[in-house]
């Protein structure tokens, strides 16, 4: 279970994301996103684990030098972690929507060009 400090951290990341204080971008992995804050870099990612491919979320914080300072891993499969998973998933979903929406807008001219080339 998350401590109150971790819950506060996640809630602040949600608030800063909503206020566009943190700008997230696609990370190095398929379901990974990252943002650089004043003194830290944050990464939020999703992966699937176990025989039933249960979704898990990971929130990692690094210092200015790129050294890992904190990591949270929460899997949906654990009933006692459901509220914590939901909180971290709120952050992940907001970040994913924000970054994916920007990526879709960037892709629109390319997609339109592909459509036109096929219609010719």
C-alpha atoms as a PDB file:
ATOM      1  CA  UNK A   1       0.000   0.000   0.000  1.00  0.00           C
ATOM      2  CA  UNK A   2       1.135   3.494  -0.755  1.00  0.00           C
ATOM      3  CA  UNK A   3       2.186   5.772   2.069  1.00  0.00           C
ATOM      4  CA  UNK A   4       0.525   9.163   2.406  1.00  0.00           C
ATOM      5  CA  UNK A   5       3.693  10.762   1.033  1.00  0.00           C
ATOM      6  CA  UNK A   6       3.501   8.697  -2.159  1.00  0.00           C
ATOM      7  CA  UNK A   7      -0.197   9.498  -2.516  1.00  0.00           C
ATOM      8  CA  UNK A   8       0.618  13.202  -2.137  1.00  0.00           C
ATOM      9  CA  UNK A   9       3.377  12.901  -4.742  1.00  0.00           C
ATOM     10  CA  UNK A  10       1.052  11.238  -7.256  1.00  0.00           C
ATOM     11  CA  UNK A  11      -1.707  13.778  -6.590  1.00  0.00           C
ATOM     12  CA  UNK A  12       0.756  16.646  -7.118  1.00  0.00           C
ATOM     13  CA  UNK A  13       1.931  15.084 -10.389  1.00  0.00           C
ATOM     14  CA  UNK A  14      -1.714  14.885 -11.501  1.00  0.00           C
ATOM     15  CA  UNK A  15      -2.295  18.541 -10.564  1.00  0.00           C
ATOM     16  CA  UNK A  16       0.901  19.730 -12.282  1.00  0.00           C
ATOM     17  CA  UNK A  17      -0.020  17.698 -15.362  1.00  0.00           C
ATOM     18  CA  UNK A  18      -3.530  19.183 -15.464  1.00  0.00           C
ATOM     19  CA  UNK A  19      -2.075  22.691 -15.074  1.00  0.00           C
ATOM     20  CA  UNK A  20       0.465  22.012 -17.870  1.00  0.00           C
ATOM     21  CA  UNK A  21       3.322  22.742 -15.473  1.00  0.00           C
ATOM     22  CA  UNK A  22       4.791  19.347 -16.354  1.00  0.00           C
ATOM     23  CA  UNK A  23       5.139  18.543 -20.024  1.00  0.00           C
ATOM     24  CA  UNK A  24       5.174  14.833 -20.702  1.00  0.00           C
ATOM     25  CA  UNK A  25       6.679  13.140 -23.739  1.00  0.00           C
ATOM     26  CA  UNK A  26       6.936   9.606 -25.053  1.00  0.00           C
ATOM     27  CA  UNK A  27       9.476   7.560 -23.118  1.00  0.00           C
ATOM     28  CA  UNK A  28      11.929   4.929 -24.290  1.00  0.00           C
ATOM     29  CA  UNK A  29       9.483   2.054 -23.899  1.00  0.00           C
ATOM     30  CA  UNK A  30       6.177   1.304 -25.600  1.00  0.00           C
ATOM     31  CA  UNK A  31       3.914   2.309 -22.695  1.00  0.00           C
ATOM     32  CA  UNK A  32       6.304   4.806 -21.103  1.00  0.00           C
ATOM     33  CA  UNK A  33       6.157   8.585 -20.692  1.00  0.00           C
ATOM     34  CA  UNK A  34       8.525  11.013 -19.025  1.00  0.00           C
ATOM     35  CA  UNK A  35       8.621  14.607 -17.797  1.00  0.00           C
ATOM     36  CA  UNK A  36      11.355  16.797 -16.433  1.00  0.00           C
ATOM     37  CA  UNK A  37      10.578  18.822 -13.346  1.00  0.00           C
ATOM     38  CA  UNK A  38      12.617  21.485 -11.615  1.00  0.00           C
ATOM     39  CA  UNK A  39      14.921  19.055  -9.832  1.00  0.00           C
ATOM     40  CA  UNK A  40      13.780  15.634 -11.006  1.00  0.00           C
ATOM     41  CA  UNK A  41      12.817  13.546 -13.995  1.00  0.00           C
ATOM     42  CA  UNK A  42       9.688  11.414 -13.687  1.00  0.00           C
ATOM     43  CA  UNK A  43       8.730   8.353 -15.691  1.00  0.00           C
ATOM     44  CA  UNK A  44       5.357   6.635 -15.626  1.00  0.00           C
ATOM     45  CA  UNK A  45       4.910   3.362 -17.468  1.00  0.00           C
ATOM     46  CA  UNK A  46       2.592   0.402 -17.834  1.00  0.00           C
ATOM     47  CA  UNK A  47       3.429  -3.236 -18.388  1.00  0.00           C
ATOM     48  CA  UNK A  48       1.608  -6.538 -18.164  1.00  0.00           C
ATOM     49  CA  UNK A  49       2.654  -9.347 -15.837  1.00  0.00           C
ATOM     50  CA  UNK A  50       1.755 -12.885 -14.928  1.00  0.00           C
ATOM     51  CA  UNK A  51      -0.174 -15.595 -16.705  1.00  0.00           C
ATOM     52  CA  UNK A  52      -3.257 -13.379 -16.960  1.00  0.00           C
ATOM     53  CA  UNK A  53      -1.265 -10.340 -18.209  1.00  0.00           C
ATOM     54  CA  UNK A  54      -2.438  -8.151 -15.332  1.00  0.00           C
ATOM     55  CA  UNK A  55      -1.654  -4.467 -15.880  1.00  0.00           C
ATOM     56  CA  UNK A  56       1.009  -2.974 -13.624  1.00  0.00           C
ATOM     57  CA  UNK A  57       2.030   0.664 -13.297  1.00  0.00           C
ATOM     58  CA  UNK A  58       5.447   2.005 -12.456  1.00  0.00           C
ATOM     59  CA  UNK A  59       6.314   5.528 -11.309  1.00  0.00           C
ATOM     60  CA  UNK A  60      10.014   6.295 -11.181  1.00  0.00           C
ATOM     61  CA  UNK A  61      11.810   9.462 -10.095  1.00  0.00           C
ATOM     62  CA  UNK A  62      15.396  10.367 -10.939  1.00  0.00           C
ATOM     63  CA  UNK A  63      17.581  13.192  -9.675  1.00  0.00           C
ATOM     64  CA  UNK A  64      19.256  15.758 -11.980  1.00  0.00           C
ATOM     65  CA  UNK A  65      22.124  13.346 -12.583  1.00  0.00           C
ATOM     66  CA  UNK A  66      19.797  10.547 -13.679  1.00  0.00           C
ATOM     67  CA  UNK A  67      20.198   8.539 -10.472  1.00  0.00           C
ATOM     68  CA  UNK A  68      17.107   6.604  -9.376  1.00  0.00           C
ATOM     69  CA  UNK A  69      15.701   8.151  -6.190  1.00  0.00           C
ATOM     70  CA  UNK A  70      12.274   6.508  -5.934  1.00  0.00           C
ATOM     71  CA  UNK A  71      10.196   3.826  -7.597  1.00  0.00           C
ATOM     72  CA  UNK A  72       6.613   2.672  -7.134  1.00  0.00           C
ATOM     73  CA  UNK A  73       5.206  -0.485  -8.720  1.00  0.00           C
ATOM     74  CA  UNK A  74       1.515  -1.315  -8.374  1.00  0.00           C
ATOM     75  CA  UNK A  75      -0.352  -4.159 -10.083  1.00  0.00           C
ATOM     76  CA  UNK A  76      -4.105  -4.240 -10.584  1.00  0.00           C
ATOM     77  CA  UNK A  77      -4.229  -7.955  -9.761  1.00  0.00           C
ATOM     78  CA  UNK A  78      -3.769  -7.288  -6.048  1.00  0.00           C
ATOM     79  CA  UNK A  79      -7.132  -6.438  -4.511  1.00  0.00           C
ATOM     80  CA  UNK A  80      -5.565  -4.656  -1.533  1.00  0.00           C
ATOM     81  CA  UNK A  81      -3.799  -2.257  -3.945  1.00  0.00           C
ATOM     82  CA  UNK A  82      -6.874  -1.323  -5.998  1.00  0.00           C
ATOM     83  CA  UNK A  83      -7.265   2.232  -4.650  1.00  0.00           C
ATOM     84  CA  UNK A  84      -3.538   2.861  -5.074  1.00  0.00           C
ATOM     85  CA  UNK A  85      -3.640   1.428  -8.595  1.00  0.00           C
ATOM     86  CA  UNK A  86      -6.605   3.646  -9.455  1.00  0.00           C
ATOM     87  CA  UNK A  87      -4.762   6.762  -8.235  1.00  0.00           C
ATOM     88  CA  UNK A  88      -1.614   5.992 -10.232  1.00  0.00           C
ATOM     89  CA  UNK A  89      -3.745   4.981 -13.222  1.00  0.00           C
ATOM     90  CA  UNK A  90      -5.383   8.419 -13.117  1.00  0.00           C
ATOM     91  CA  UNK A  91      -1.947   9.967 -13.642  1.00  0.00           C
ATOM     92  CA  UNK A  92      -0.992   7.445 -16.326  1.00  0.00           C
ATOM     93  CA  UNK A  93      -4.259   7.953 -18.225  1.00  0.00           C
ATOM     94  CA  UNK A  94      -3.957  11.753 -18.177  1.00  0.00           C
ATOM     95  CA  UNK A  95      -0.371  11.561 -19.385  1.00  0.00           C
ATOM     96  CA  UNK A  96      -1.154   8.987 -22.081  1.00  0.00           C
ATOM     97  CA  UNK A  97      -4.093  11.028 -23.368  1.00  0.00           C
ATOM     98  CA  UNK A  98      -2.061  14.221 -23.382  1.00  0.00           C
ATOM     99  CA  UNK A  99       0.910  12.748 -25.243  1.00  0.00           C
ATOM    100  CA  UNK A 100      -1.120  10.548 -27.580  1.00  0.00           C
ATOM    101  CA  UNK A 101      -3.394  13.436 -28.503  1.00  0.00           C
ATOM    102  CA  UNK A 102      -0.384  15.543 -29.481  1.00  0.00           C
ATOM    103  CA  UNK A 103       1.086  12.643 -31.440  1.00  0.00           C
ATOM    104  CA  UNK A 104      -2.200  12.122 -33.325  1.00  0.00           C
ATOM    105  CA  UNK A 105      -2.306  15.816 -34.266  1.00  0.00           C
ATOM    106  CA  UNK A 106       1.270  15.595 -35.556  1.00  0.00           C
ATOM    107  CA  UNK A 107       0.368  12.507 -37.591  1.00  0.00           C
ATOM    108  CA  UNK A 108      -2.727  14.016 -39.242  1.00  0.00           C
ATOM    109  CA  UNK A 109      -0.897  15.626 -42.203  1.00  0.00           C
ATOM    110  CA  UNK A 110       0.996  12.400 -42.839  1.00  0.00           C
ATOM    111  CA  UNK A 111      -2.165  10.299 -42.643  1.00  0.00           C
ATOM    112  CA  UNK A 112      -4.014  12.718 -44.929  1.00  0.00           C
ATOM    113  CA  UNK A 113      -1.178  12.475 -47.434  1.00  0.00           C
ATOM    114  CA  UNK A 114      -1.325   8.671 -47.320  1.00  0.00           C
ATOM    115  CA  UNK A 115      -5.082   8.719 -47.880  1.00  0.00           C
ATOM    116  CA  UNK A 116      -4.744  11.085 -50.831  1.00  0.00           C
ATOM    117  CA  UNK A 117      -2.029   8.956 -52.394  1.00  0.00           C
ATOM    118  CA  UNK A 118      -4.261   5.886 -52.191  1.00  0.00           C
ATOM    119  CA  UNK A 119      -7.239   7.707 -53.666  1.00  0.00           C
ATOM    120  CA  UNK A 120      -5.305   8.924 -56.697  1.00  0.00           C
END
